[in-house]
N, C-alpha and C. Protein backbone atom coordinates (compact mmCIF):
# COMPACT_ATOMS: atom_id res chain seq x y z
N UNK A 1 23.06 16.64 -9.27
CA UNK A 1 21.91 16.52 -10.33
C UNK A 1 21.04 15.09 -9.61
N UNK A 2 22.07 14.76 -8.83
CA UNK A 2 21.41 12.74 -8.24
C UNK A 2 20.70 13.52 -7.55
N UNK A 3 20.99 14.13 -6.30
CA UNK A 3 20.48 14.67 -5.15
C UNK A 3 18.78 14.88 -5.70
N UNK A 4 18.64 15.51 -6.63
CA UNK A 4 17.55 16.10 -7.57
C UNK A 4 17.00 14.66 -7.34
N UNK A 5 17.31 14.00 -8.35
CA UNK A 5 16.58 12.55 -9.02
C UNK A 5 16.37 11.82 -7.53
N UNK A 6 16.85 11.86 -6.77
CA UNK A 6 16.56 11.25 -5.65
C UNK A 6 15.28 12.03 -4.35
N UNK A 7 15.56 12.99 -4.62
CA UNK A 7 14.28 14.24 -3.78
C UNK A 7 12.64 13.75 -4.70
N UNK A 8 13.15 13.77 -6.13
CA UNK A 8 12.16 13.40 -6.69
C UNK A 8 11.80 12.55 -6.29
N UNK A 9 12.35 11.17 -6.29
CA UNK A 9 11.80 9.76 -6.17
C UNK A 9 10.91 10.25 -5.25
N UNK A 10 11.10 10.50 -3.75
CA UNK A 10 11.27 10.40 -2.58
C UNK A 10 9.40 11.21 -2.88
N UNK A 11 9.79 12.38 -3.13
CA UNK A 11 8.33 13.25 -3.48
C UNK A 11 7.24 12.06 -3.67
N UNK A 12 7.68 11.85 -5.44
CA UNK A 12 6.83 10.47 -6.34
C UNK A 12 6.09 9.69 -4.93
N UNK A 13 6.99 9.27 -3.87
CA UNK A 13 6.63 8.03 -3.63
C UNK A 13 5.66 8.97 -2.23
N UNK A 14 5.81 9.59 -1.89
CA UNK A 14 5.25 10.00 -0.80
C UNK A 14 4.04 10.50 -1.53
N UNK A 15 3.74 11.18 -2.71
CA UNK A 15 2.28 10.99 -3.22
C UNK A 15 1.57 10.13 -3.33
N UNK A 16 2.30 9.04 -4.07
CA UNK A 16 1.25 8.16 -4.29
C UNK A 16 0.43 7.35 -2.48
N UNK A 17 1.64 7.85 -1.14
CA UNK A 17 1.06 7.06 0.08
C UNK A 17 -0.07 7.88 0.57
N UNK A 18 -0.03 9.10 0.03
CA UNK A 18 -0.64 10.49 0.83
C UNK A 18 -1.97 9.77 1.03
N UNK A 19 -2.95 9.18 0.16
CA UNK A 19 -4.19 9.25 0.13
C UNK A 19 -4.40 7.85 1.04
N UNK A 20 -3.39 6.95 1.69
CA UNK A 20 -3.49 6.00 2.74
C UNK A 20 -3.28 5.96 4.00
N UNK A 21 -2.41 7.20 3.70
CA UNK A 21 -1.48 7.37 5.23
C UNK A 21 -2.50 8.45 5.57
N UNK A 22 -3.40 9.00 5.13
CA UNK A 22 -4.75 9.82 5.86
C UNK A 22 -5.62 8.91 6.50
N UNK A 23 -5.74 8.00 6.11
CA UNK A 23 -6.41 6.83 7.21
C UNK A 23 -6.26 6.24 8.20
N UNK A 24 -4.51 6.84 8.30
CA UNK A 24 -4.33 6.38 9.70
C UNK A 24 -2.73 5.42 9.65
N UNK A 25 -2.15 5.23 10.46
CA UNK A 25 -0.93 4.60 10.80
C UNK A 25 -1.21 3.03 10.40
N UNK A 26 -2.18 2.55 10.82
CA UNK A 26 -2.48 1.08 10.59
C UNK A 26 -3.74 1.13 9.89
N UNK A 27 -3.76 0.26 8.69
CA UNK A 27 -4.46 0.06 7.94
C UNK A 27 -5.70 -1.00 7.57
N UNK A 28 -6.80 -1.57 7.44
CA UNK A 28 -6.97 -2.84 6.49
C UNK A 28 -7.35 -2.21 4.95
N UNK A 29 -7.00 -3.33 4.37
CA UNK A 29 -7.61 -3.09 3.18
C UNK A 29 -8.06 -4.81 2.03
N UNK A 30 -9.45 -4.13 1.57
CA UNK A 30 -9.83 -5.06 0.64
C UNK A 30 -9.09 -5.05 -0.20
N UNK A 31 -9.07 -6.81 -1.22
CA UNK A 31 -8.12 -6.43 -2.15
C UNK A 31 -8.80 -7.17 -3.03
N UNK A 32 -9.73 -6.47 -4.09
CA UNK A 32 -10.24 -7.17 -5.06
C UNK A 32 -10.01 -8.06 -6.69
N UNK A 33 -9.97 -9.12 -6.11
CA UNK A 33 -8.83 -9.49 -7.96
C UNK A 33 -9.60 -9.43 -9.00
N UNK A 34 -9.16 -9.48 -10.34
CA UNK A 34 -10.23 -10.07 -11.52
C UNK A 34 -10.69 -10.62 -11.63
N UNK A 35 -10.10 -11.98 -10.87
CA UNK A 35 -11.22 -13.47 -10.93
C UNK A 35 -12.06 -13.11 -10.49
N UNK A 36 -12.43 -12.56 -9.71
CA UNK A 36 -13.70 -12.07 -8.05
C UNK A 36 -13.29 -12.67 -7.20
N UNK A 37 -12.10 -13.04 -6.93
CA UNK A 37 -11.84 -13.17 -5.28
C UNK A 37 -11.61 -12.09 -4.63
N UNK A 38 -11.90 -11.88 -3.37
CA UNK A 38 -11.58 -10.76 -2.07
C UNK A 38 -10.62 -11.38 -1.14
N UNK A 39 -9.43 -10.47 -0.77
CA UNK A 39 -8.52 -10.38 -0.10
C UNK A 39 -8.64 -9.97 1.27
N UNK A 40 -8.77 -10.09 2.36
CA UNK A 40 -9.14 -9.04 3.51
C UNK A 40 -7.64 -9.06 4.29
N UNK A 41 -7.04 -7.77 4.43
CA UNK A 41 -5.48 -8.38 5.37
C UNK A 41 -5.51 -6.71 6.00
N UNK A 42 -5.61 -7.15 7.26
CA UNK A 42 -6.17 -6.23 8.50
C UNK A 42 -4.08 -6.11 8.64
N UNK A 43 -3.87 -4.58 9.50
CA UNK A 43 -2.79 -4.47 10.28
C UNK A 43 -1.77 -3.75 9.50
N UNK A 44 -1.95 -3.07 8.67
CA UNK A 44 -0.93 -3.02 7.18
C UNK A 44 -0.66 -1.50 7.66
N UNK A 45 0.86 -1.73 7.84
CA UNK A 45 1.39 0.04 8.03
C UNK A 45 0.96 0.75 6.83
N UNK A 46 0.50 1.33 6.90
CA UNK A 46 0.60 2.84 5.52
C UNK A 46 1.87 2.93 5.13
N UNK A 47 3.08 3.72 6.08
CA UNK A 47 3.82 4.03 5.69
C UNK A 47 5.07 3.13 4.63
N UNK A 48 4.40 1.54 5.34
CA UNK A 48 5.10 0.72 4.18
C UNK A 48 5.14 0.25 2.93
N UNK A 49 4.10 0.65 2.40
CA UNK A 49 3.14 0.48 0.96
C UNK A 49 4.19 0.93 -0.29
N UNK A 50 4.29 0.34 -1.04
CA UNK A 50 5.45 0.87 -1.87
C UNK A 50 5.14 0.28 -3.26
N UNK A 51 4.78 0.84 -4.50
CA UNK A 51 3.92 0.20 -5.38
C UNK A 51 5.01 -0.13 -6.28
N UNK A 52 4.84 -0.61 -7.88
CA UNK A 52 5.75 -0.80 -8.89
C UNK A 52 4.88 -2.26 -9.79
N UNK A 53 5.32 -2.86 -10.18
CA UNK A 53 5.07 -4.22 -11.06
C UNK A 53 4.29 -4.66 -9.60
N UNK A 54 4.73 -5.25 -8.65
CA UNK A 54 4.09 -5.88 -7.13
C UNK A 54 4.02 -4.39 -6.47
N UNK A 55 2.68 -4.47 -5.85
CA UNK A 55 2.43 -3.38 -4.55
C UNK A 55 3.10 -4.62 -3.52
N UNK A 56 3.88 -3.79 -2.60
CA UNK A 56 4.56 -4.28 -1.34
C UNK A 56 4.15 -3.84 -0.32
N UNK A 57 3.59 -4.35 0.80
CA UNK A 57 3.88 -3.76 2.24
C UNK A 57 4.12 -4.55 3.89
N UNK A 58 4.13 -4.30 4.53
CA UNK A 58 4.59 -5.06 5.74
C UNK A 58 3.34 -4.98 6.52
N UNK A 59 3.10 -6.02 7.81
CA UNK A 59 2.01 -6.08 8.45
C UNK A 59 2.01 -5.89 10.30
N UNK A 60 1.36 -5.29 10.74
CA UNK A 60 1.85 -5.25 12.48
C UNK A 60 2.10 -6.73 12.90
N UNK A 61 1.58 -7.95 12.35
CA UNK A 61 2.31 -9.16 12.87
C UNK A 61 3.67 -10.06 12.18
N UNK A 62 4.41 -9.00 11.27
CA UNK A 62 5.58 -9.21 11.02
C UNK A 62 5.50 -9.56 9.28
N UNK A 63 4.47 -9.92 8.40
CA UNK A 63 4.28 -10.42 7.21
C UNK A 63 4.65 -9.47 6.52
N UNK A 64 5.37 -9.45 5.66
CA UNK A 64 5.66 -8.68 3.97
C UNK A 64 4.75 -9.38 3.17
N UNK A 65 4.08 -8.44 2.49
CA UNK A 65 2.61 -9.09 1.70
C UNK A 65 3.36 -8.63 -0.29
N UNK A 66 3.16 -9.03 -1.01
CA UNK A 66 3.84 -8.35 -2.48
C UNK A 66 2.26 -8.80 -3.07
N UNK A 67 1.54 -8.42 -3.54
CA UNK A 67 0.25 -8.09 -4.99
C UNK A 67 0.65 -8.11 -5.92
N UNK A 68 0.17 -8.74 -7.21
CA UNK A 68 0.49 -8.62 -8.62
C UNK A 68 -0.36 -7.40 -9.44
N UNK A 69 0.06 -6.47 -9.60
CA UNK A 69 -1.14 -5.04 -9.67
C UNK A 69 -2.08 -5.63 -10.68
N UNK A 70 -1.53 -6.46 -11.92
CA UNK A 70 -1.88 -6.76 -12.85
C UNK A 70 -3.36 -7.56 -13.12
N UNK A 71 -3.27 -8.58 -11.57
CA UNK A 71 -4.22 -9.31 -11.10
C UNK A 71 -5.70 -8.16 -10.46
N UNK A 72 -5.56 -7.13 -9.85
CA UNK A 72 -6.22 -6.43 -8.99
C UNK A 72 -7.09 -5.40 -9.78
N UNK A 73 -8.39 -5.26 -9.38
CA UNK A 73 -9.31 -4.61 -9.87
C UNK A 73 -9.32 -2.90 -9.08
N UNK A 74 -9.40 -3.61 -7.97
CA UNK A 74 -9.43 -2.10 -6.90
C UNK A 74 -9.20 -2.44 -5.78
N UNK A 75 -9.08 -1.53 -4.64
CA UNK A 75 -8.45 -1.74 -3.02
C UNK A 75 -9.54 -1.06 -2.52
N UNK A 76 -10.20 -1.26 -1.78
CA UNK A 76 -10.71 -0.90 -0.05
C UNK A 76 -10.36 -0.40 0.89
N UNK A 77 -9.83 0.69 1.50
CA UNK A 77 -9.22 1.20 2.46
C UNK A 77 -9.95 1.38 3.46
N UNK A 78 -9.53 0.99 4.56
CA UNK A 78 -10.28 1.70 5.89
C UNK A 78 -9.51 1.95 6.70
N UNK A 79 -9.20 2.97 8.23
CA UNK A 79 -8.48 3.09 8.95
C UNK A 79 -8.87 2.28 10.00
N UNK A 80 -7.78 2.14 10.85
CA UNK A 80 -7.97 1.06 11.56
C UNK A 80 -8.04 1.41 13.05
N UNK A 81 -9.16 1.73 13.89
CA UNK A 81 -8.86 2.35 15.51
C UNK A 81 -7.83 1.61 16.29
N UNK A 82 -7.42 2.67 17.00
CA UNK A 82 -5.78 2.32 18.09
C UNK A 82 -6.77 1.61 19.29
């Protein structure tokens, strides 16, 4: 039973990330916040993205970034060329 729950959680995680992973191993995201600000983040490692109350991800330069989802309207994602 516990193994089934773990497999189901891993599948959910994979499903959430599949659209970003299709863009490539590394992506750039432009995060549009509710107050009108935009932040561009380069070098995001696609498979490191985790969603929850905060979206967390790692960058090629070693940074880990956490974004409060409640403050975000939209995220644009672009694949990076190698």
